[in-house]
PDB file of N, CA and C in Angstrom:
ATOM      1  N   MET A   1       0.844  -1.180   0.000  1.00  0.00           N
ATOM      2  CA  MET A   1       0.000   0.000   0.000  1.00  0.00           C
ATOM      3  C   MET A   1       0.886   1.239   0.000  1.00  0.00           C
ATOM      4  N   PRO A   2       0.690   2.161  -0.914  1.00  0.00           N
ATOM      5  CA  PRO A   2       1.539   3.363  -0.976  1.00  0.00           C
ATOM      6  C   PRO A   2       1.321   4.262   0.238  1.00  0.00           C
ATOM      7  N   ASP A   3       2.363   5.049   0.525  1.00  0.00           N
ATOM      8  CA  ASP A   3       2.275   6.010   1.637  1.00  0.00           C
ATOM      9  C   ASP A   3       1.229   7.071   1.322  1.00  0.00           C
ATOM     10  N   ALA A   4       0.514   7.462   2.336  1.00  0.00           N
ATOM     11  CA  ALA A   4      -0.476   8.528   2.184  1.00  0.00           C
ATOM     12  C   ALA A   4       0.247   9.856   2.068  1.00  0.00           C
ATOM     13  N   PRO A   5      -0.259  10.799   1.293  1.00  0.00           N
ATOM     14  CA  PRO A   5       0.390  12.117   1.198  1.00  0.00           C
ATOM     15  C   PRO A   5       0.381  12.817   2.551  1.00  0.00           C
ATOM     16  N   ARG A   6       1.433  13.571   2.796  1.00  0.00           N
ATOM     17  CA  ARG A   6       1.528  14.303   4.060  1.00  0.00           C
ATOM     18  C   ARG A   6       0.741  15.591   3.976  1.00  0.00           C
ATOM     19  N   PRO A   7       0.204  16.021   5.094  1.00  0.00           N
ATOM     20  CA  PRO A   7      -0.480  17.316   5.110  1.00  0.00           C
ATOM     21  C   PRO A   7       0.487  18.439   4.762  1.00  0.00           C
ATOM     22  N   ALA A   8      -0.003  19.497   4.178  1.00  0.00           N
ATOM     23  CA  ALA A   8       0.822  20.629   3.771  1.00  0.00           C
ATOM     24  C   ALA A   8       1.486  21.323   4.959  1.00  0.00           C
ATOM     25  N   SER A   9       0.956  21.143   6.166  1.00  0.00           N
ATOM     26  CA  SER A   9       1.516  21.815   7.339  1.00  0.00           C
ATOM     27  C   SER A   9       2.801  21.137   7.832  1.00  0.00           C
ATOM     28  N   TRP A  10       3.098  19.932   7.372  1.00  0.00           N
ATOM     29  CA  TRP A  10       4.323  19.241   7.783  1.00  0.00           C
ATOM     30  C   TRP A  10       5.507  19.815   7.033  1.00  0.00           C
ATOM     31  N   SER A  11       6.640  19.828   7.671  1.00  0.00           N
ATOM     32  CA  SER A  11       7.840  20.313   6.994  1.00  0.00           C
ATOM     33  C   SER A  11       8.923  19.246   7.042  1.00  0.00           C
ATOM     34  N   ASP A  12       9.907  19.410   6.212  1.00  0.00           N
ATOM     35  CA  ASP A  12      11.042  18.492   6.183  1.00  0.00           C
ATOM     36  C   ASP A  12      12.202  19.075   6.972  1.00  0.00           C
ATOM     37  N   GLY A  13      11.924  19.882   7.955  1.00  0.00           N
ATOM     38  CA  GLY A  13      12.970  20.539   8.740  1.00  0.00           C
ATOM     39  C   GLY A  13      13.776  19.555   9.565  1.00  0.00           C
ATOM     40  N   GLY A  14      14.738  20.077  10.268  1.00  0.00           N
ATOM     41  CA  GLY A  14      15.579  19.249  11.122  1.00  0.00           C
ATOM     42  C   GLY A  14      17.041  19.426  10.777  1.00  0.00           C
ATOM     43  N   ASP A  15      17.864  18.614  11.410  1.00  0.00           N
ATOM     44  CA  ASP A  15      19.302  18.683  11.197  1.00  0.00           C
ATOM     45  C   ASP A  15      19.685  18.125   9.836  1.00  0.00           C
ATOM     46  N   ALA A  16      20.792  18.632   9.332  1.00  0.00           N
ATOM     47  CA  ALA A  16      21.322  18.113   8.071  1.00  0.00           C
ATOM     48  C   ALA A  16      21.731  16.650   8.260  1.00  0.00           C
ATOM     49  N   ALA A  17      21.657  15.891   7.197  1.00  0.00           N
ATOM     50  CA  ALA A  17      22.005  14.472   7.275  1.00  0.00           C
ATOM     51  C   ALA A  17      23.494  14.278   7.503  1.00  0.00           C
ATOM     52  N   CYS A  18      24.300  15.192   7.033  1.00  0.00           N
ATOM     53  CA  CYS A  18      25.742  15.053   7.179  1.00  0.00           C
ATOM     54  C   CYS A  18      26.327  16.355   7.718  1.00  0.00           C
ATOM     55  N   TRP A  19      27.046  16.249   8.804  1.00  0.00           N
ATOM     56  CA  TRP A  19      27.665  17.418   9.435  1.00  0.00           C
ATOM     57  C   TRP A  19      29.134  17.559   9.027  1.00  0.00           C
ATOM     58  N   LEU A  20      29.603  16.735   8.070  1.00  0.00           N
ATOM     59  CA  LEU A  20      31.010  16.741   7.704  1.00  0.00           C
ATOM     60  C   LEU A  20      31.500  18.118   7.273  1.00  0.00           C
ATOM     61  N   SER A  21      30.668  18.870   6.570  1.00  0.00           N
ATOM     62  CA  SER A  21      31.092  20.196   6.122  1.00  0.00           C
ATOM     63  C   SER A  21      31.262  21.177   7.272  1.00  0.00           C
ATOM     64  N   GLU A  22      30.762  20.838   8.433  1.00  0.00           N
ATOM     65  CA  GLU A  22      30.858  21.715   9.599  1.00  0.00           C
ATOM     66  C   GLU A  22      32.027  21.344  10.517  1.00  0.00           C
ATOM     67  N   VAL A  23      32.773  20.287  10.190  1.00  0.00           N
ATOM     68  CA  VAL A  23      33.866  19.822  11.037  1.00  0.00           C
ATOM     69  C   VAL A  23      35.171  20.486  10.614  1.00  0.00           C
ATOM     70  N   CYS A  24      35.908  21.005  11.574  1.00  0.00           N
ATOM     71  CA  CYS A  24      37.199  21.631  11.304  1.00  0.00           C
ATOM     72  C   CYS A  24      38.188  20.556  10.847  1.00  0.00           C
ATOM     73  N   ALA A  25      38.847  20.800   9.722  1.00  0.00           N
ATOM     74  CA  ALA A  25      39.800  19.841   9.169  1.00  0.00           C
ATOM     75  C   ALA A  25      41.052  19.712  10.029  1.00  0.00           C
ATOM     76  N   GLU A  26      41.366  20.710  10.814  1.00  0.00           N
ATOM     77  CA  GLU A  26      42.580  20.695  11.626  1.00  0.00           C
ATOM     78  C   GLU A  26      42.401  20.000  12.969  1.00  0.00           C
ATOM     79  N   CYS A  27      41.315  20.317  13.678  1.00  0.00           N
ATOM     80  CA  CYS A  27      41.193  19.798  15.045  1.00  0.00           C
ATOM     81  C   CYS A  27      39.958  18.936  15.278  1.00  0.00           C
ATOM     82  N   GLY A  28      39.037  18.910  14.297  1.00  0.00           N
ATOM     83  CA  GLY A  28      37.858  18.058  14.430  1.00  0.00           C
ATOM     84  C   GLY A  28      36.701  18.669  15.191  1.00  0.00           C
ATOM     85  N   ALA A  29      36.816  19.935  15.567  1.00  0.00           N
ATOM     86  CA  ALA A  29      35.725  20.593  16.305  1.00  0.00           C
ATOM     87  C   ALA A  29      34.542  20.835  15.374  1.00  0.00           C
ATOM     88  N   LEU A  30      33.345  20.791  15.920  1.00  0.00           N
ATOM     89  CA  LEU A  30      32.143  21.092  15.150  1.00  0.00           C
ATOM     90  C   LEU A  30      31.892  22.588  15.215  1.00  0.00           C
ATOM     91  N   ASN A  31      31.928  23.251  14.048  1.00  0.00           N
ATOM     92  CA  ASN A  31      31.750  24.697  13.981  1.00  0.00           C
ATOM     93  C   ASN A  31      30.307  25.032  13.668  1.00  0.00           C
ATOM     94  N   GLU A  32      29.740  25.961  14.388  1.00  0.00           N
ATOM     95  CA  GLU A  32      28.360  26.371  14.171  1.00  0.00           C
ATOM     96  C   GLU A  32      28.243  27.414  13.082  1.00  0.00           C
ATOM     97  N   SER A  33      29.295  28.158  12.834  1.00  0.00           N
ATOM     98  CA  SER A  33      29.261  29.236  11.843  1.00  0.00           C
ATOM     99  C   SER A  33      29.981  28.790  10.571  1.00  0.00           C
ATOM    100  N   PRO A  34      29.362  28.991   9.406  1.00  0.00           N
ATOM    101  CA  PRO A  34      30.020  28.605   8.163  1.00  0.00           C
ATOM    102  C   PRO A  34      31.159  29.544   7.764  1.00  0.00           C
ATOM    103  N   THR A  35      31.261  30.662   8.435  1.00  0.00           N
ATOM    104  CA  THR A  35      32.345  31.604   8.157  1.00  0.00           C
ATOM    105  C   THR A  35      33.101  31.872   9.447  1.00  0.00           C
ATOM    106  N   GLY A  36      34.277  32.414   9.320  1.00  0.00           N
ATOM    107  CA  GLY A  36      35.067  32.759  10.495  1.00  0.00           C
ATOM    108  C   GLY A  36      35.943  31.605  10.942  1.00  0.00           C
ATOM    109  N   PRO A  37      36.821  31.889  11.871  1.00  0.00           N
ATOM    110  CA  PRO A  37      37.773  30.879  12.325  1.00  0.00           C
ATOM    111  C   PRO A  37      37.132  29.832  13.240  1.00  0.00           C
ATOM    112  N   CYS A  38      37.800  28.704  13.341  1.00  0.00           N
ATOM    113  CA  CYS A  38      37.377  27.642  14.243  1.00  0.00           C
ATOM    114  C   CYS A  38      37.457  28.149  15.675  1.00  0.00           C
ATOM    115  N   TRP A  39      36.460  27.846  16.451  1.00  0.00           N
ATOM    116  CA  TRP A  39      36.434  28.315  17.841  1.00  0.00           C
ATOM    117  C   TRP A  39      37.515  27.644  18.680  1.00  0.00           C
ATOM    118  N   ARG A  40      37.991  26.473  18.278  1.00  0.00           N
ATOM    119  CA  ARG A  40      38.974  25.749  19.078  1.00  0.00           C
ATOM    120  C   ARG A  40      40.411  26.072  18.671  1.00  0.00           C
ATOM    121  N   CYS A  41      40.724  25.992  17.360  1.00  0.00           N
ATOM    122  CA  CYS A  41      42.126  26.127  16.951  1.00  0.00           C
ATOM    123  C   CYS A  41      42.416  27.388  16.143  1.00  0.00           C
ATOM    124  N   GLY A  42      41.356  28.089  15.666  1.00  0.00           N
ATOM    125  CA  GLY A  42      41.552  29.339  14.945  1.00  0.00           C
ATOM    126  C   GLY A  42      41.728  29.194  13.441  1.00  0.00           C
ATOM    127  N   THR A  43      41.710  27.960  12.921  1.00  0.00           N
ATOM    128  CA  THR A  43      41.848  27.753  11.480  1.00  0.00           C
ATOM    129  C   THR A  43      40.663  28.369  10.749  1.00  0.00           C
ATOM    130  N   VAL A  44      40.963  29.086   9.654  1.00  0.00           N
ATOM    131  CA  VAL A  44      39.918  29.709   8.845  1.00  0.00           C
ATOM    132  C   VAL A  44      39.600  28.774   7.687  1.00  0.00           C
ATOM    133  N   ARG A  45      38.323  28.496   7.491  1.00  0.00           N
ATOM    134  CA  ARG A  45      37.913  27.620   6.400  1.00  0.00           C
ATOM    135  C   ARG A  45      38.248  28.245   5.064  1.00  0.00           C
ATOM    136  N   GLY A  46      38.643  27.385   4.117  1.00  0.00           N
ATOM    137  CA  GLY A  46      38.911  27.837   2.763  1.00  0.00           C
ATOM    138  C   GLY A  46      40.324  28.344   2.552  1.00  0.00           C
ATOM    139  N   GLU A  47      41.085  28.503   3.602  1.00  0.00           N
ATOM    140  CA  GLU A  47      42.472  28.926   3.441  1.00  0.00           C
ATOM    141  C   GLU A  47      43.313  27.696   3.162  1.00  0.00           C
ATOM    142  N   ASP A  48      44.050  27.722   2.056  1.00  0.00           N
ATOM    143  CA  ASP A  48      44.928  26.606   1.729  1.00  0.00           C
ATOM    144  C   ASP A  48      46.179  26.685   2.577  1.00  0.00           C
ATOM    145  N   GLU A  49      46.749  25.507   2.829  1.00  0.00           N
ATOM    146  CA  GLU A  49      48.007  25.472   3.553  1.00  0.00           C
ATOM    147  C   GLU A  49      49.111  25.954   2.623  1.00  0.00           C
ATOM    148  N   PRO A  50      50.169  26.534   3.161  1.00  0.00           N
ATOM    149  CA  PRO A  50      51.260  27.001   2.319  1.00  0.00           C
ATOM    150  C   PRO A  50      51.905  25.826   1.584  1.00  0.00           C
ATOM    151  N   ASP A  51      52.393  26.092   0.382  1.00  0.00           N
ATOM    152  CA  ASP A  51      53.043  25.080  -0.431  1.00  0.00           C
ATOM    153  C   ASP A  51      54.496  24.945   0.030  1.00  0.00           C
ATOM    154  N   THR A  52      54.743  24.027   0.971  1.00  0.00           N
ATOM    155  CA  THR A  52      56.076  23.856   1.524  1.00  0.00           C
ATOM    156  C   THR A  52      56.909  22.856   0.739  1.00  0.00           C
ATOM    157  N   GLU A  53      56.280  22.113  -0.171  1.00  0.00           N
ATOM    158  CA  GLU A  53      57.010  21.088  -0.928  1.00  0.00           C
ATOM    159  C   GLU A  53      57.335  21.538  -2.336  1.00  0.00           C
ATOM    160  N   GLY A  54      56.880  22.724  -2.755  1.00  0.00           N
ATOM    161  CA  GLY A  54      57.182  23.253  -4.059  1.00  0.00           C
ATOM    162  C   GLY A  54      56.437  22.578  -5.194  1.00  0.00           C
ATOM    163  N   THR A  55      55.307  21.932  -4.898  1.00  0.00           N
ATOM    164  CA  THR A  55      54.553  21.227  -5.937  1.00  0.00           C
ATOM    165  C   THR A  55      53.500  22.099  -6.587  1.00  0.00           C
ATOM    166  N   GLY A  56      53.200  23.244  -6.001  1.00  0.00           N
ATOM    167  CA  GLY A  56      52.182  24.111  -6.561  1.00  0.00           C
ATOM    168  C   GLY A  56      50.778  23.751  -6.118  1.00  0.00           C
ATOM    169  N   ALA A  57      50.647  22.760  -5.274  1.00  0.00           N
ATOM    170  CA  ALA A  57      49.339  22.320  -4.778  1.00  0.00           C
ATOM    171  C   ALA A  57      49.348  22.323  -3.265  1.00  0.00           C
ATOM    172  N   PRO A  58      48.190  22.544  -2.650  1.00  0.00           N
ATOM    173  CA  PRO A  58      48.131  22.490  -1.190  1.00  0.00           C
ATOM    174  C   PRO A  58      48.470  21.098  -0.699  1.00  0.00           C
ATOM    175  N   SER A  59      49.100  21.018   0.451  1.00  0.00           N
ATOM    176  CA  SER A  59      49.473  19.703   0.999  1.00  0.00           C
ATOM    177  C   SER A  59      48.334  19.055   1.723  1.00  0.00           C
TER     178      SER A  59
END
């Protein structure tokens, strides 16, 4: 038997299925703000690490 349609007053709200984009790559802290530095270690999202190996790509 197919599912009955949901009433229009219901929403699909709630937490995102994956919080990976909110995790700091350096220390693993969960960041609440998509911008600004990590509250734990200060790493800023989107900043590439310096090219210390001379390959032209982030390490």
